[in-house]
Amino acid sequence: MPHDIDIEEIREVLAREGAQLVEVLPNKEYEEEHLPGAINIPLKSLDENSAAQLNRDAPVIVYCHDYQ
């Protein structure tokens, strides 16, 4: 079930559960700056097919870093 988490919980889930980080900004912005290990799936292309690359047995953390 989706819910907001803070940075400490993110660190715990990454370390303990092998969570997947998904950055949803466009490719160009992802290339300029993203968190280490993040997978890029731009929001406009996020669908069943693009999400199929994710491990369904591991938690998924979706984030968007927008400077606006």
PDB file of N, CA and C in Angstrom:
ATOM      1  N   MET A   1       0.850  -1.178   0.000  1.00  0.00           N
ATOM      2  CA  MET A   1       0.000   0.000   0.000  1.00  0.00           C
ATOM      3  C   MET A   1       0.900   1.247   0.000  1.00  0.00           C
ATOM      4  N   PRO A   2       0.679   2.200  -0.877  1.00  0.00           N
ATOM      5  CA  PRO A   2       1.496   3.419  -0.925  1.00  0.00           C
ATOM      6  C   PRO A   2       1.360   4.253   0.358  1.00  0.00           C
ATOM      7  N   HIS A   3       2.491   4.819   0.775  1.00  0.00           N
ATOM      8  CA  HIS A   3       2.490   5.768   1.883  1.00  0.00           C
ATOM      9  C   HIS A   3       3.778   6.580   1.856  1.00  0.00           C
ATOM     10  N   ASP A   4       3.756   7.745   2.460  1.00  0.00           N
ATOM     11  CA  ASP A   4       4.930   8.603   2.537  1.00  0.00           C
ATOM     12  C   ASP A   4       5.893   8.060   3.580  1.00  0.00           C
ATOM     13  N   ILE A   5       7.206   8.193   3.297  1.00  0.00           N
ATOM     14  CA  ILE A   5       8.220   7.803   4.265  1.00  0.00           C
ATOM     15  C   ILE A   5       9.288   8.870   4.336  1.00  0.00           C
ATOM     16  N   ASP A   6       9.996   8.924   5.455  1.00  0.00           N
ATOM     17  CA  ASP A   6      11.067   9.905   5.597  1.00  0.00           C
ATOM     18  C   ASP A   6      12.412   9.264   5.240  1.00  0.00           C
ATOM     19  N   ILE A   7      13.459  10.063   5.240  1.00  0.00           N
ATOM     20  CA  ILE A   7      14.777   9.603   4.794  1.00  0.00           C
ATOM     21  C   ILE A   7      15.307   8.457   5.642  1.00  0.00           C
ATOM     22  N   GLU A   8      15.043   8.471   6.927  1.00  0.00           N
ATOM     23  CA  GLU A   8      15.530   7.382   7.789  1.00  0.00           C
ATOM     24  C   GLU A   8      14.853   6.058   7.436  1.00  0.00           C
ATOM     25  N   GLU A   9      13.561   6.105   7.190  1.00  0.00           N
ATOM     26  CA  GLU A   9      12.862   4.885   6.803  1.00  0.00           C
ATOM     27  C   GLU A   9      13.334   4.402   5.433  1.00  0.00           C
ATOM     28  N   ILE A  10      13.635   5.329   4.540  1.00  0.00           N
ATOM     29  CA  ILE A  10      14.172   4.949   3.226  1.00  0.00           C
ATOM     30  C   ILE A  10      15.478   4.193   3.408  1.00  0.00           C
ATOM     31  N   ARG A  11      16.368   4.720   4.228  1.00  0.00           N
ATOM     32  CA  ARG A  11      17.659   4.056   4.468  1.00  0.00           C
ATOM     33  C   ARG A  11      17.455   2.652   5.031  1.00  0.00           C
ATOM     34  N   GLU A  12      16.538   2.518   5.968  1.00  0.00           N
ATOM     35  CA  GLU A  12      16.274   1.221   6.573  1.00  0.00           C
ATOM     36  C   GLU A  12      15.731   0.222   5.551  1.00  0.00           C
ATOM     37  N   VAL A  13      14.771   0.662   4.750  1.00  0.00           N
ATOM     38  CA  VAL A  13      14.161  -0.233   3.763  1.00  0.00           C
ATOM     39  C   VAL A  13      15.171  -0.624   2.688  1.00  0.00           C
ATOM     40  N   LEU A  14      16.025   0.303   2.286  1.00  0.00           N
ATOM     41  CA  LEU A  14      17.061  -0.017   1.305  1.00  0.00           C
ATOM     42  C   LEU A  14      18.027  -1.057   1.861  1.00  0.00           C
ATOM     43  N   ALA A  15      18.464  -0.851   3.091  1.00  0.00           N
ATOM     44  CA  ALA A  15      19.447  -1.753   3.691  1.00  0.00           C
ATOM     45  C   ALA A  15      18.840  -3.104   4.068  1.00  0.00           C
ATOM     46  N   ARG A  16      17.702  -3.096   4.671  1.00  0.00           N
ATOM     47  CA  ARG A  16      17.106  -4.305   5.233  1.00  0.00           C
ATOM     48  C   ARG A  16      16.331  -5.132   4.206  1.00  0.00           C
ATOM     49  N   GLU A  17      15.646  -4.454   3.292  1.00  0.00           N
ATOM     50  CA  GLU A  17      14.722  -5.166   2.405  1.00  0.00           C
ATOM     51  C   GLU A  17      15.092  -5.108   0.934  1.00  0.00           C
ATOM     52  N   GLY A  18      16.209  -4.478   0.599  1.00  0.00           N
ATOM     53  CA  GLY A  18      16.607  -4.412  -0.801  1.00  0.00           C
ATOM     54  C   GLY A  18      15.624  -3.671  -1.674  1.00  0.00           C
ATOM     55  N   ALA A  19      15.077  -2.584  -1.147  1.00  0.00           N
ATOM     56  CA  ALA A  19      14.080  -1.801  -1.893  1.00  0.00           C
ATOM     57  C   ALA A  19      14.662  -1.273  -3.199  1.00  0.00           C
ATOM     58  N   GLN A  20      13.782  -0.988  -4.120  1.00  0.00           N
ATOM     59  CA  GLN A  20      14.136  -0.432  -5.418  1.00  0.00           C
ATOM     60  C   GLN A  20      13.752   1.040  -5.446  1.00  0.00           C
ATOM     61  N   LEU A  21      14.690   1.892  -5.823  1.00  0.00           N
ATOM     62  CA  LEU A  21      14.408   3.318  -5.972  1.00  0.00           C
ATOM     63  C   LEU A  21      14.000   3.587  -7.409  1.00  0.00           C
ATOM     64  N   VAL A  22      12.881   4.230  -7.606  1.00  0.00           N
ATOM     65  CA  VAL A  22      12.410   4.565  -8.946  1.00  0.00           C
ATOM     66  C   VAL A  22      12.261   6.074  -9.046  1.00  0.00           C
ATOM     67  N   GLU A  23      13.055   6.679  -9.913  1.00  0.00           N
ATOM     68  CA  GLU A  23      13.020   8.120 -10.185  1.00  0.00           C
ATOM     69  C   GLU A  23      12.094   8.332 -11.370  1.00  0.00           C
ATOM     70  N   VAL A  24      11.110   9.220 -11.235  1.00  0.00           N
ATOM     71  CA  VAL A  24      10.107   9.381 -12.294  1.00  0.00           C
ATOM     72  C   VAL A  24      10.263  10.665 -13.109  1.00  0.00           C
ATOM     73  N   LEU A  25      11.392  11.337 -12.988  1.00  0.00           N
ATOM     74  CA  LEU A  25      11.621  12.520 -13.825  1.00  0.00           C
ATOM     75  C   LEU A  25      12.028  12.101 -15.233  1.00  0.00           C
ATOM     76  N   PRO A  26      11.933  13.022 -16.203  1.00  0.00           N
ATOM     77  CA  PRO A  26      12.355  12.715 -17.577  1.00  0.00           C
ATOM     78  C   PRO A  26      13.828  12.286 -17.629  1.00  0.00           C
ATOM     79  N   ASN A  27      14.183  11.542 -18.674  1.00  0.00           N
ATOM     80  CA  ASN A  27      15.535  11.002 -18.831  1.00  0.00           C
ATOM     81  C   ASN A  27      16.631  12.042 -18.665  1.00  0.00           C
ATOM     82  N   LYS A  28      16.479  13.195 -19.300  1.00  0.00           N
ATOM     83  CA  LYS A  28      17.523  14.223 -19.246  1.00  0.00           C
ATOM     84  C   LYS A  28      17.806  14.643 -17.807  1.00  0.00           C
ATOM     85  N   GLU A  29      16.771  14.857 -17.044  1.00  0.00           N
ATOM     86  CA  GLU A  29      16.940  15.264 -15.646  1.00  0.00           C
ATOM     87  C   GLU A  29      17.520  14.122 -14.820  1.00  0.00           C
ATOM     88  N   TYR A  30      17.139  12.908 -15.110  1.00  0.00           N
ATOM     89  CA  TYR A  30      17.708  11.747 -14.429  1.00  0.00           C
ATOM     90  C   TYR A  30      19.207  11.669 -14.689  1.00  0.00           C
ATOM     91  N   GLU A  31      19.612  11.872 -15.931  1.00  0.00           N
ATOM     92  CA  GLU A  31      21.027  11.817 -16.288  1.00  0.00           C
ATOM     93  C   GLU A  31      21.830  12.897 -15.573  1.00  0.00           C
ATOM     94  N   GLU A  32      21.223  14.057 -15.348  1.00  0.00           N
ATOM     95  CA  GLU A  32      21.915  15.159 -14.689  1.00  0.00           C
ATOM     96  C   GLU A  32      22.139  14.889 -13.205  1.00  0.00           C
ATOM     97  N   GLU A  33      21.158  14.296 -12.549  1.00  0.00           N
ATOM     98  CA  GLU A  33      21.288  14.035 -11.125  1.00  0.00           C
ATOM     99  C   GLU A  33      20.212  13.070 -10.653  1.00  0.00           C
ATOM    100  N   HIS A  34      20.641  12.015  -9.977  1.00  0.00           N
ATOM    101  CA  HIS A  34      19.720  11.059  -9.373  1.00  0.00           C
ATOM    102  C   HIS A  34      20.410  10.378  -8.201  1.00  0.00           C
ATOM    103  N   LEU A  35      19.640   9.722  -7.385  1.00  0.00           N
ATOM    104  CA  LEU A  35      20.211   8.992  -6.257  1.00  0.00           C
ATOM    105  C   LEU A  35      20.930   7.750  -6.776  1.00  0.00           C
ATOM    106  N   PRO A  36      22.059   7.387  -6.156  1.00  0.00           N
ATOM    107  CA  PRO A  36      22.787   6.188  -6.591  1.00  0.00           C
ATOM    108  C   PRO A  36      21.885   4.949  -6.545  1.00  0.00           C
ATOM    109  N   GLY A  37      21.933   4.174  -7.603  1.00  0.00           N
ATOM    110  CA  GLY A  37      21.158   2.942  -7.672  1.00  0.00           C
ATOM    111  C   GLY A  37      19.719   3.112  -8.123  1.00  0.00           C
ATOM    112  N   ALA A  38      19.319   4.336  -8.390  1.00  0.00           N
ATOM    113  CA  ALA A  38      17.933   4.578  -8.800  1.00  0.00           C
ATOM    114  C   ALA A  38      17.691   4.072 -10.222  1.00  0.00           C
ATOM    115  N   ILE A  39      16.485   3.593 -10.434  1.00  0.00           N
ATOM    116  CA  ILE A  39      16.013   3.157 -11.753  1.00  0.00           C
ATOM    117  C   ILE A  39      15.186   4.303 -12.321  1.00  0.00           C
ATOM    118  N   ASN A  40      15.396   4.615 -13.576  1.00  0.00           N
ATOM    119  CA  ASN A  40      14.631   5.700 -14.184  1.00  0.00           C
ATOM    120  C   ASN A  40      13.448   5.156 -14.977  1.00  0.00           C
ATOM    121  N   ILE A  41      12.254   5.544 -14.549  1.00  0.00           N
ATOM    122  CA  ILE A  41      11.033   5.287 -15.320  1.00  0.00           C
ATOM    123  C   ILE A  41      10.273   6.614 -15.329  1.00  0.00           C
ATOM    124  N   PRO A  42      10.446   7.408 -16.390  1.00  0.00           N
ATOM    125  CA  PRO A  42       9.762   8.702 -16.437  1.00  0.00           C
ATOM    126  C   PRO A  42       8.258   8.549 -16.215  1.00  0.00           C
ATOM    127  N   LEU A  43       7.698   9.476 -15.463  1.00  0.00           N
ATOM    128  CA  LEU A  43       6.289   9.404 -15.105  1.00  0.00           C
ATOM    129  C   LEU A  43       5.392   9.249 -16.324  1.00  0.00           C
ATOM    130  N   LYS A  44       5.719   9.950 -17.408  1.00  0.00           N
ATOM    131  CA  LYS A  44       4.882   9.879 -18.610  1.00  0.00           C
ATOM    132  C   LYS A  44       4.928   8.506 -19.272  1.00  0.00           C
ATOM    133  N   SER A  45       5.937   7.695 -18.944  1.00  0.00           N
ATOM    134  CA  SER A  45       6.003   6.360 -19.535  1.00  0.00           C
ATOM    135  C   SER A  45       5.774   5.267 -18.493  1.00  0.00           C
ATOM    136  N   LEU A  46       5.406   5.653 -17.290  1.00  0.00           N
ATOM    137  CA  LEU A  46       5.145   4.674 -16.237  1.00  0.00           C
ATOM    138  C   LEU A  46       3.807   3.978 -16.506  1.00  0.00           C
ATOM    139  N   ASP A  47       3.890   2.709 -16.837  1.00  0.00           N
ATOM    140  CA  ASP A  47       2.700   1.909 -17.105  1.00  0.00           C
ATOM    141  C   ASP A  47       3.011   0.455 -16.735  1.00  0.00           C
ATOM    142  N   GLU A  48       2.113  -0.411 -17.028  1.00  0.00           N
ATOM    143  CA  GLU A  48       2.290  -1.822 -16.676  1.00  0.00           C
ATOM    144  C   GLU A  48       3.550  -2.408 -17.318  1.00  0.00           C
ATOM    145  N   ASN A  49       3.817  -2.047 -18.555  1.00  0.00           N
ATOM    146  CA  ASN A  49       4.986  -2.587 -19.254  1.00  0.00           C
ATOM    147  C   ASN A  49       6.292  -2.073 -18.668  1.00  0.00           C
ATOM    148  N   SER A  50       6.387  -0.774 -18.408  1.00  0.00           N
ATOM    149  CA  SER A  50       7.636  -0.238 -17.863  1.00  0.00           C
ATOM    150  C   SER A  50       7.855  -0.704 -16.427  1.00  0.00           C
ATOM    151  N   ALA A  51       6.791  -0.883 -15.674  1.00  0.00           N
ATOM    152  CA  ALA A  51       6.905  -1.353 -14.297  1.00  0.00           C
ATOM    153  C   ALA A  51       7.276  -2.836 -14.227  1.00  0.00           C
ATOM    154  N   ALA A  52       7.129  -3.552 -15.328  1.00  0.00           N
ATOM    155  CA  ALA A  52       7.438  -4.983 -15.351  1.00  0.00           C
ATOM    156  C   ALA A  52       8.916  -5.253 -15.085  1.00  0.00           C
ATOM    157  N   GLN A  53       9.778  -4.250 -15.265  1.00  0.00           N
ATOM    158  CA  GLN A  53      11.208  -4.439 -15.006  1.00  0.00           C
ATOM    159  C   GLN A  53      11.525  -4.487 -13.510  1.00  0.00           C
ATOM    160  N   LEU A  54      10.575  -4.113 -12.678  1.00  0.00           N
ATOM    161  CA  LEU A  54      10.788  -4.094 -11.237  1.00  0.00           C
ATOM    162  C   LEU A  54      10.576  -5.478 -10.632  1.00  0.00           C
ATOM    163  N   ASN A  55      11.279  -5.732  -9.550  1.00  0.00           N
ATOM    164  CA  ASN A  55      11.127  -6.978  -8.809  1.00  0.00           C
ATOM    165  C   ASN A  55       9.863  -6.882  -7.958  1.00  0.00           C
ATOM    166  N   ARG A  56       8.883  -7.698  -8.249  1.00  0.00           N
ATOM    167  CA  ARG A  56       7.591  -7.640  -7.541  1.00  0.00           C
ATOM    168  C   ARG A  56       7.698  -8.126  -6.099  1.00  0.00           C
ATOM    169  N   ASP A  57       8.800  -8.761  -5.744  1.00  0.00           N
ATOM    170  CA  ASP A  57       8.978  -9.270  -4.388  1.00  0.00           C
ATOM    171  C   ASP A  57       9.737  -8.312  -3.475  1.00  0.00           C
ATOM    172  N   ALA A  58      10.156  -7.173  -3.994  1.00  0.00           N
ATOM    173  CA  ALA A  58      10.908  -6.197  -3.195  1.00  0.00           C
ATOM    174  C   ALA A  58      10.131  -4.884  -3.125  1.00  0.00           C
ATOM    175  N   PRO A  59      10.273  -4.167  -2.013  1.00  0.00           N
ATOM    176  CA  PRO A  59       9.601  -2.865  -1.909  1.00  0.00           C
ATOM    177  C   PRO A  59      10.069  -1.910  -3.011  1.00  0.00           C
ATOM    178  N   VAL A  60       9.196  -0.994  -3.383  1.00  0.00           N
ATOM    179  CA  VAL A  60       9.510   0.012  -4.400  1.00  0.00           C
ATOM    180  C   VAL A  60       9.319   1.388  -3.772  1.00  0.00           C
ATOM    181  N   ILE A  61      10.345   2.223  -3.890  1.00  0.00           N
ATOM    182  CA  ILE A  61      10.266   3.607  -3.428  1.00  0.00           C
ATOM    183  C   ILE A  61      10.294   4.493  -4.662  1.00  0.00           C
ATOM    184  N   VAL A  62       9.215   5.192  -4.907  1.00  0.00           N
ATOM    185  CA  VAL A  62       9.109   6.079  -6.060  1.00  0.00           C
ATOM    186  C   VAL A  62       9.315   7.496  -5.579  1.00  0.00           C
ATOM    187  N   TYR A  63      10.199   8.224  -6.271  1.00  0.00           N
ATOM    188  CA  TYR A  63      10.437   9.599  -5.872  1.00  0.00           C
ATOM    189  C   TYR A  63      10.617  10.477  -7.093  1.00  0.00           C
ATOM    190  N   CYS A  64      10.447  11.761  -6.840  1.00  0.00           N
ATOM    191  CA  CYS A  64      10.608  12.775  -7.884  1.00  0.00           C
ATOM    192  C   CYS A  64      11.309  13.962  -7.236  1.00  0.00           C
ATOM    193  N   HIS A  65      12.450  14.310  -7.756  1.00  0.00           N
ATOM    194  CA  HIS A  65      13.175  15.465  -7.233  1.00  0.00           C
ATOM    195  C   HIS A  65      13.005  16.597  -8.231  1.00  0.00           C
ATOM    196  N   ASP A  66      12.140  17.516  -7.914  1.00  0.00           N
ATOM    197  CA  ASP A  66      11.823  18.618  -8.808  1.00  0.00           C
ATOM    198  C   ASP A  66      12.226  19.909  -8.133  1.00  0.00           C
ATOM    199  N   TYR A  67      13.006  20.708  -8.825  1.00  0.00           N
ATOM    200  CA  TYR A  67      13.502  21.964  -8.239  1.00  0.00           C
ATOM    201  C   TYR A  67      12.489  23.096  -8.261  1.00  0.00           C
ATOM    202  N   GLN A  68      11.326  22.877  -8.819  1.00  0.00           N
ATOM    203  CA  GLN A  68      10.344  23.964  -8.942  1.00  0.00           C
ATOM    204  C   GLN A  68       9.588  24.165  -7.661  1.00  0.00           C
TER     205      GLN A  68
END
